[in-house]
Amino acid sequence: FNSEKSGKWCMTDDKNDIHQGFAGIGSCRASPLPTTPDLVYQFADTNGWSRDPGLRITAGMMHAPMYVTLSGHAGRHEILMGKYKISSGTLVNGRPLYAKVNSENKPQFLYNCIYTGEWLMTCHEKDIGHGYAGIGSSRASDLPTDEGVRYLIADKCGWTLDDAIQASGSEVQEVQVRNMKAHLKP
């Protein structure tokens, strides 16, 4: 995540740390992207912060479906079912954004939540930056079609698992993504 206070990039293994600005690895200076080539990272240990010039975050490529079709749900938020198309060049949380237009000619979105890494579906573009949704995946994943991903329906009481929902992809293509994985560069 990017610290609102310092503009530095931070990594943590606990999503609760994000809101408090805690991190175990962080960039030494502010940067618009975590993949800036000359950006040096540091790590925290019992002795404080130590710079590690070999630690890098790299941009990468992944194979993603051009279309994602979600089916199987009837009832509340049923309008979010259907065929979503990848929005070329648009990333949310380093993953592709998918969009479709529903039967009422209104846009809908399938995106990767910046807070949890889960896939969410919404009728409102403004929801994307806040992690709001009517339907969401049960766990974080690189793609909404990854094996084992199940979907939940939002209702007034919380989230309910709907095992009838199926996600399938078609016309796989290679897309640029941001891999938030640090590695030592030789």
C-alpha atoms as a PDB file:
ATOM      1  CA  PHE A   1       0.000   0.000   0.000  1.00  0.00           C
ATOM      2  CA  ASN A   2       1.019   3.626  -0.429  1.00  0.00           C
ATOM      3  CA  SER A   3       1.221   5.645   2.795  1.00  0.00           C
ATOM      4  CA  GLU A   4      -1.043   8.691   2.664  1.00  0.00           C
ATOM      5  CA  LYS A   5       1.269  10.522   5.084  1.00  0.00           C
ATOM      6  CA  SER A   6       4.682   9.886   3.531  1.00  0.00           C
ATOM      7  CA  GLY A   7       3.961   8.714  -0.028  1.00  0.00           C
ATOM      8  CA  LYS A   8       6.219   5.717   0.628  1.00  0.00           C
ATOM      9  CA  TRP A   9       5.320   2.187  -0.470  1.00  0.00           C
ATOM     10  CA  CYS A  10       4.793  -0.304   2.354  1.00  0.00           C
ATOM     11  CA  MET A  11       4.300  -4.078   2.643  1.00  0.00           C
ATOM     12  CA  THR A  12       2.643  -5.957   5.473  1.00  0.00           C
ATOM     13  CA  ASP A  13       1.166  -9.394   6.052  1.00  0.00           C
ATOM     14  CA  ASP A  14      -1.759  -8.023   8.066  1.00  0.00           C
ATOM     15  CA  LYS A  15      -4.423  -5.938   6.299  1.00  0.00           C
ATOM     16  CA  ASN A  16      -5.250  -4.251   9.633  1.00  0.00           C
ATOM     17  CA  ASP A  17      -1.799  -2.617   9.514  1.00  0.00           C
ATOM     18  CA  ILE A  18      -2.767  -0.654   6.397  1.00  0.00           C
ATOM     19  CA  HIS A  19      -5.088   1.723   8.239  1.00  0.00           C
ATOM     20  CA  GLN A  20      -2.443   2.348  10.908  1.00  0.00           C
ATOM     21  CA  GLY A  21       0.452   2.704   8.467  1.00  0.00           C
ATOM     22  CA  PHE A  22       2.465  -0.214   9.892  1.00  0.00           C
ATOM     23  CA  ALA A  23       4.788  -2.165   7.597  1.00  0.00           C
ATOM     24  CA  GLY A  24       7.611  -4.690   7.685  1.00  0.00           C
ATOM     25  CA  ILE A  25       9.093  -3.566   4.371  1.00  0.00           C
ATOM     26  CA  GLY A  26       8.910  -0.065   2.923  1.00  0.00           C
ATOM     27  CA  SER A  27      10.430   2.209   0.324  1.00  0.00           C
ATOM     28  CA  CYS A  28      13.087   4.661   1.527  1.00  0.00           C
ATOM     29  CA  ARG A  29      11.376   7.578  -0.211  1.00  0.00           C
ATOM     30  CA  ALA A  30       8.068   8.586  -1.759  1.00  0.00           C
ATOM     31  CA  SER A  31       7.413   7.440  -5.314  1.00  0.00           C
ATOM     32  CA  PRO A  32       4.403   7.441  -7.664  1.00  0.00           C
ATOM     33  CA  LEU A  33       4.881   3.698  -8.347  1.00  0.00           C
ATOM     34  CA  PRO A  34       6.297   0.873  -6.231  1.00  0.00           C
ATOM     35  CA  THR A  35       8.120  -0.413  -9.330  1.00  0.00           C
ATOM     36  CA  THR A  36      10.279   2.691  -9.910  1.00  0.00           C
ATOM     37  CA  PRO A  37      13.668   1.229 -11.011  1.00  0.00           C
ATOM     38  CA  ASP A  38      15.897   3.222  -8.626  1.00  0.00           C
ATOM     39  CA  LEU A  39      13.590   2.925  -5.613  1.00  0.00           C
ATOM     40  CA  VAL A  40      15.431   1.407  -2.632  1.00  0.00           C
ATOM     41  CA  TYR A  41      13.531  -0.603  -0.016  1.00  0.00           C
ATOM     42  CA  GLN A  42      14.206  -1.184   3.661  1.00  0.00           C
ATOM     43  CA  PHE A  43      13.003  -3.805   6.116  1.00  0.00           C
ATOM     44  CA  ALA A  44      12.213  -3.626   9.816  1.00  0.00           C
ATOM     45  CA  ASP A  45      13.666  -5.972  12.401  1.00  0.00           C
ATOM     46  CA  THR A  46      14.503  -5.807  16.107  1.00  0.00           C
ATOM     47  CA  ASN A  47      17.331  -3.346  15.333  1.00  0.00           C
ATOM     48  CA  GLY A  48      15.084  -0.890  13.475  1.00  0.00           C
ATOM     49  CA  TRP A  49      15.093  -0.186   9.715  1.00  0.00           C
ATOM     50  CA  SER A  50      17.832  -1.530   7.413  1.00  0.00           C
ATOM     51  CA  ARG A  51      18.256  -0.587   3.754  1.00  0.00           C
ATOM     52  CA  ASP A  52      18.448  -3.443   1.261  1.00  0.00           C
ATOM     53  CA  PRO A  53      19.405  -2.154  -2.211  1.00  0.00           C
ATOM     54  CA  GLY A  54      18.759  -5.627  -3.678  1.00  0.00           C
ATOM     55  CA  LEU A  55      15.097  -5.641  -2.699  1.00  0.00           C
ATOM     56  CA  ARG A  56      12.826  -4.710  -5.640  1.00  0.00           C
ATOM     57  CA  ILE A  57       9.204  -4.804  -6.683  1.00  0.00           C
ATOM     58  CA  THR A  58       8.790  -5.553 -10.359  1.00  0.00           C
ATOM     59  CA  ALA A  59       6.004  -5.069 -12.865  1.00  0.00           C
ATOM     60  CA  GLY A  60       5.035  -8.249 -14.628  1.00  0.00           C
ATOM     61  CA  MET A  61       2.738  -9.906 -17.082  1.00  0.00           C
ATOM     62  CA  MET A  62      -0.047 -12.382 -16.414  1.00  0.00           C
ATOM     63  CA  HIS A  63      -2.505 -14.272 -18.543  1.00  0.00           C
ATOM     64  CA  ALA A  64      -6.013 -12.949 -17.965  1.00  0.00           C
ATOM     65  CA  PRO A  65      -9.287 -13.655 -19.739  1.00  0.00           C
ATOM     66  CA  MET A  66     -10.572 -10.958 -22.098  1.00  0.00           C
ATOM     67  CA  TYR A  67     -14.087 -11.849 -20.890  1.00  0.00           C
ATOM     68  CA  VAL A  68     -15.305 -13.062 -17.493  1.00  0.00           C
ATOM     69  CA  THR A  69     -18.810 -14.508 -17.274  1.00  0.00           C
ATOM     70  CA  LEU A  70     -20.520 -14.842 -13.906  1.00  0.00           C
ATOM     71  CA  SER A  71     -23.675 -16.944 -13.763  1.00  0.00           C
ATOM     72  CA  GLY A  72     -25.855 -19.002 -11.442  1.00  0.00           C
ATOM     73  CA  HIS A  73     -27.283 -16.435  -9.026  1.00  0.00           C
ATOM     74  CA  ALA A  74     -30.941 -15.415  -8.930  1.00  0.00           C
ATOM     75  CA  GLY A  75     -32.378 -12.847  -6.555  1.00  0.00           C
ATOM     76  CA  ARG A  76     -30.738  -9.879  -4.859  1.00  0.00           C
ATOM     77  CA  HIS A  77     -27.943  -8.411  -7.047  1.00  0.00           C
ATOM     78  CA  GLU A  78     -28.835 -10.771  -9.929  1.00  0.00           C
ATOM     79  CA  ILE A  79     -28.271  -7.841 -12.287  1.00  0.00           C
ATOM     80  CA  LEU A  80     -24.526  -8.183 -11.592  1.00  0.00           C
ATOM     81  CA  MET A  81     -24.453 -11.579 -13.334  1.00  0.00           C
ATOM     82  CA  GLY A  82     -23.337 -11.580 -16.960  1.00  0.00           C
ATOM     83  CA  LYS A  83     -20.374 -11.175 -19.285  1.00  0.00           C
ATOM     84  CA  TYR A  84     -17.739  -8.585 -18.310  1.00  0.00           C
ATOM     85  CA  LYS A  85     -15.046  -7.378 -20.720  1.00  0.00           C
ATOM     86  CA  ILE A  86     -11.537  -6.382 -19.691  1.00  0.00           C
ATOM     87  CA  SER A  87     -11.008  -2.598 -19.695  1.00  0.00           C
ATOM     88  CA  SER A  88      -7.819  -2.327 -21.711  1.00  0.00           C
ATOM     89  CA  GLY A  89      -4.964  -0.721 -19.806  1.00  0.00           C
ATOM     90  CA  THR A  90      -6.987  -0.072 -16.643  1.00  0.00           C
ATOM     91  CA  LEU A  91      -5.745  -1.663 -13.425  1.00  0.00           C
ATOM     92  CA  VAL A  92      -7.296  -1.693  -9.967  1.00  0.00           C
ATOM     93  CA  ASN A  93      -5.012  -3.022  -7.228  1.00  0.00           C
ATOM     94  CA  GLY A  94      -2.591  -4.117  -9.949  1.00  0.00           C
ATOM     95  CA  ARG A  95      -5.217  -6.350 -11.583  1.00  0.00           C
ATOM     96  CA  PRO A  96      -7.438  -5.884 -14.662  1.00  0.00           C
ATOM     97  CA  LEU A  97     -10.706  -3.994 -14.359  1.00  0.00           C
ATOM     98  CA  TYR A  98     -13.694  -5.637 -16.059  1.00  0.00           C
ATOM     99  CA  ALA A  99     -16.872  -3.805 -17.094  1.00  0.00           C
ATOM    100  CA  LYS A 100     -20.229  -4.484 -18.732  1.00  0.00           C
ATOM    101  CA  VAL A 101     -23.442  -2.645 -19.498  1.00  0.00           C
ATOM    102  CA  ASN A 102     -26.599  -4.164 -18.008  1.00  0.00           C
ATOM    103  CA  SER A 103     -30.061  -4.509 -19.585  1.00  0.00           C
ATOM    104  CA  GLU A 104     -30.944  -1.021 -18.303  1.00  0.00           C
ATOM    105  CA  ASN A 105     -27.925   0.413 -20.198  1.00  0.00           C
ATOM    106  CA  LYS A 106     -26.041   1.124 -16.948  1.00  0.00           C
ATOM    107  CA  PRO A 107     -22.367   0.245 -16.420  1.00  0.00           C
ATOM    108  CA  GLN A 108     -21.261  -2.406 -13.946  1.00  0.00           C
ATOM    109  CA  PHE A 109     -17.797  -3.296 -12.749  1.00  0.00           C
ATOM    110  CA  LEU A 110     -15.796  -6.328 -11.618  1.00  0.00           C
ATOM    111  CA  TYR A 111     -12.626  -5.252  -9.813  1.00  0.00           C
ATOM    112  CA  ASN A 112      -9.942  -6.403  -7.388  1.00  0.00           C
ATOM    113  CA  CYS A 113     -10.323  -4.743  -3.976  1.00  0.00           C
ATOM    114  CA  ILE A 114      -7.286  -2.741  -2.859  1.00  0.00           C
ATOM    115  CA  TYR A 115      -7.979  -3.562   0.801  1.00  0.00           C
ATOM    116  CA  THR A 116      -8.515  -7.332   0.623  1.00  0.00           C
ATOM    117  CA  GLY A 117      -7.472  -8.601  -2.839  1.00  0.00           C
ATOM    118  CA  GLU A 118     -10.957 -10.079  -3.260  1.00  0.00           C
ATOM    119  CA  TRP A 119     -12.958  -9.621  -6.478  1.00  0.00           C
ATOM    120  CA  LEU A 120     -16.015  -7.380  -6.150  1.00  0.00           C
ATOM    121  CA  MET A 121     -18.964  -6.517  -8.419  1.00  0.00           C
ATOM    122  CA  THR A 122     -20.797  -3.220  -8.260  1.00  0.00           C
ATOM    123  CA  CYS A 123     -23.177  -1.012 -10.234  1.00  0.00           C
ATOM    124  CA  HIS A 124     -21.370   2.162  -9.170  1.00  0.00           C
ATOM    125  CA  GLU A 125     -17.944   3.222 -10.429  1.00  0.00           C
ATOM    126  CA  LYS A 126     -17.437   5.337  -7.290  1.00  0.00           C
ATOM    127  CA  ASP A 127     -17.541   2.121  -5.194  1.00  0.00           C
ATOM    128  CA  ILE A 128     -14.269   0.892  -6.726  1.00  0.00           C
ATOM    129  CA  GLY A 129     -12.008   3.044  -4.554  1.00  0.00           C
ATOM    130  CA  HIS A 130     -13.902   2.138  -1.394  1.00  0.00           C
ATOM    131  CA  GLY A 131     -14.258  -1.640  -1.676  1.00  0.00           C
ATOM    132  CA  TYR A 132     -18.068  -1.587  -1.873  1.00  0.00           C
ATOM    133  CA  ALA A 133     -19.976  -4.305  -3.728  1.00  0.00           C
ATOM    134  CA  GLY A 134     -23.146  -6.344  -4.075  1.00  0.00           C
ATOM    135  CA  ILE A 135     -21.290  -9.571  -4.848  1.00  0.00           C
ATOM    136  CA  GLY A 136     -17.746 -10.487  -3.843  1.00  0.00           C
ATOM    137  CA  SER A 137     -15.321 -13.382  -3.875  1.00  0.00           C
ATOM    138  CA  SER A 138     -14.761 -15.404  -0.725  1.00  0.00           C
ATOM    139  CA  ARG A 139     -10.981 -14.906  -0.782  1.00  0.00           C
ATOM    140  CA  ALA A 140      -8.196 -12.931  -2.412  1.00  0.00           C
ATOM    141  CA  SER A 141      -7.039 -14.142  -5.836  1.00  0.00           C
ATOM    142  CA  ASP A 142      -5.133 -12.935  -8.877  1.00  0.00           C
ATOM    143  CA  LEU A 143      -8.148 -13.423 -11.153  1.00  0.00           C
ATOM    144  CA  PRO A 144     -11.900 -13.772 -10.566  1.00  0.00           C
ATOM    145  CA  THR A 145     -11.768 -17.099 -12.414  1.00  0.00           C
ATOM    146  CA  ASP A 146      -9.021 -18.705 -10.285  1.00  0.00           C
ATOM    147  CA  GLU A 147      -9.740 -22.250  -9.135  1.00  0.00           C
ATOM    148  CA  GLY A 148     -11.442 -22.465  -5.754  1.00  0.00           C
ATOM    149  CA  VAL A 149     -12.809 -18.910  -5.735  1.00  0.00           C
ATOM    150  CA  ARG A 150     -16.383 -18.858  -4.412  1.00  0.00           C
ATOM    151  CA  TYR A 151     -18.774 -15.906  -4.352  1.00  0.00           C
ATOM    152  CA  LEU A 152     -20.829 -14.201  -1.657  1.00  0.00           C
ATOM    153  CA  ILE A 153     -23.948 -12.019  -1.873  1.00  0.00           C
ATOM    154  CA  ALA A 154     -24.256  -8.866   0.242  1.00  0.00           C
ATOM    155  CA  ASP A 155     -27.494  -8.415   2.133  1.00  0.00           C
ATOM    156  CA  LYS A 156     -28.664  -6.336   5.067  1.00  0.00           C
ATOM    157  CA  CYS A 157     -27.171  -8.856   7.528  1.00  0.00           C
ATOM    158  CA  GLY A 158     -23.744  -9.244   5.911  1.00  0.00           C
ATOM    159  CA  TRP A 159     -22.497 -11.739   3.325  1.00  0.00           C
ATOM    160  CA  THR A 160     -24.038 -15.082   2.315  1.00  0.00           C
ATOM    161  CA  LEU A 161     -22.168 -17.741   0.343  1.00  0.00           C
ATOM    162  CA  ASP A 162     -23.821 -18.709  -2.968  1.00  0.00           C
ATOM    163  CA  ASP A 163     -22.173 -21.854  -4.346  1.00  0.00           C
ATOM    164  CA  ALA A 164     -24.368 -21.620  -7.457  1.00  0.00           C
ATOM    165  CA  ILE A 165     -22.286 -18.714  -8.770  1.00  0.00           C
ATOM    166  CA  GLN A 166     -19.785 -19.790 -11.412  1.00  0.00           C
ATOM    167  CA  ALA A 167     -17.040 -17.620 -12.925  1.00  0.00           C
ATOM    168  CA  SER A 168     -15.535 -18.558 -16.277  1.00  0.00           C
ATOM    169  CA  GLY A 169     -13.092 -16.814 -18.572  1.00  0.00           C
ATOM    170  CA  SER A 170     -12.614 -16.755 -22.324  1.00  0.00           C
ATOM    171  CA  GLU A 171     -10.107 -15.432 -24.861  1.00  0.00           C
ATOM    172  CA  VAL A 172      -7.078 -15.413 -22.573  1.00  0.00           C
ATOM    173  CA  GLN A 173      -4.506 -12.702 -23.264  1.00  0.00           C
ATOM    174  CA  GLU A 174      -1.313 -11.449 -21.669  1.00  0.00           C
ATOM    175  CA  VAL A 175      -1.797  -8.248 -19.650  1.00  0.00           C
ATOM    176  CA  GLN A 176       0.580  -5.974 -17.757  1.00  0.00           C
ATOM    177  CA  VAL A 177       0.042  -6.147 -13.992  1.00  0.00           C
ATOM    178  CA  ARG A 178       1.850  -4.979 -10.898  1.00  0.00           C
ATOM    179  CA  ASN A 179       3.203  -7.898  -8.939  1.00  0.00           C
ATOM    180  CA  MET A 180       3.589  -6.803  -5.360  1.00  0.00           C
ATOM    181  CA  LYS A 181       6.190  -9.449  -4.678  1.00  0.00           C
ATOM    182  CA  ALA A 182       9.591  -8.426  -3.488  1.00  0.00           C
ATOM    183  CA  HIS A 183      12.635 -10.374  -4.569  1.00  0.00           C
ATOM    184  CA  LEU A 184      16.372 -10.029  -4.259  1.00  0.00           C
ATOM    185  CA  LYS A 185      17.974  -8.866  -7.461  1.00  0.00           C
ATOM    186  CA  PRO A 186      21.412 -10.447  -8.129  1.00  0.00           C
END
